[in-house]
Structures are given as structure tokens and as C-alpha cells.
Amino acid sequence: MHNYKALKAASKLSVRKQKVIDQAKVDEVKDGDGNITTHAQSERSHEELQVVSKCYDSQTGEVQDDSVQTYSLSQVKSAIDHCKSEVTKLEDEQAQWEQLETDLKAL
């Protein structure tokens, strides 16, 4: 995530665990004649890990609805692993360039 630490320090974003209701609880619903049309159903929900960013209109400064992104821990772990892989590749490439520089300076 780009600039996470700075945005968090400036209180521009935060993280939260949010309960999301997939299906609301329903007891009994009766039609106009008093007949039961729906039986009791329990609520179905799950929790999401979210990053919430404060949003403002750039021209007026007016507060707008927050931007919410959902993440799973496996997505974050995958992103970390990818970054580590890129660092390793870049360090290897740097070593190659440094060796070339050393060889050219030795001429």
C-alpha cells in the first residue's frame, strides 16, 4: 500500500474490523390475510478487515464519503512476499551493476 505509514500518522486513514450482514434476521412475516409467508431465519454475517481513507473535494475542501478497501490477511501476506521478492531481484541487479563498474574502473 502506497504511503500507508504517512497517511496513518496524519490521521488520513485507519483500519477496522467491520461486521457485514449478508442476510438480515427474519422472524415471521404475515401477508394481509394473516398467513405466515416467511419463517424465522437467523442472521448471516461475516467480518471484513478494512482500510478507511478520508476523502475531501479538492476544490471546496468539503468532506465526502470515506473510501473503504477490504483486505484479507492472505492478500497482505502475498503483497509482502512479492515486495521481498522484488527487493531480492533489485539487490541482485545492483550487484551486477556494481561488478561491471568495478571492472570498468580497473581498466
Foldseek 3Di string as FASTA:
>chain_A
DPPPVVCVVVVQKDKDKDKDWPDDWDDFDADPVRHTDDHTDHIDIDIWIKMWGWDADPVPRHTDHIDIDTDDPVRVVVVVVVVVVVVVVVVVVVVVVVVVVVVVVVD
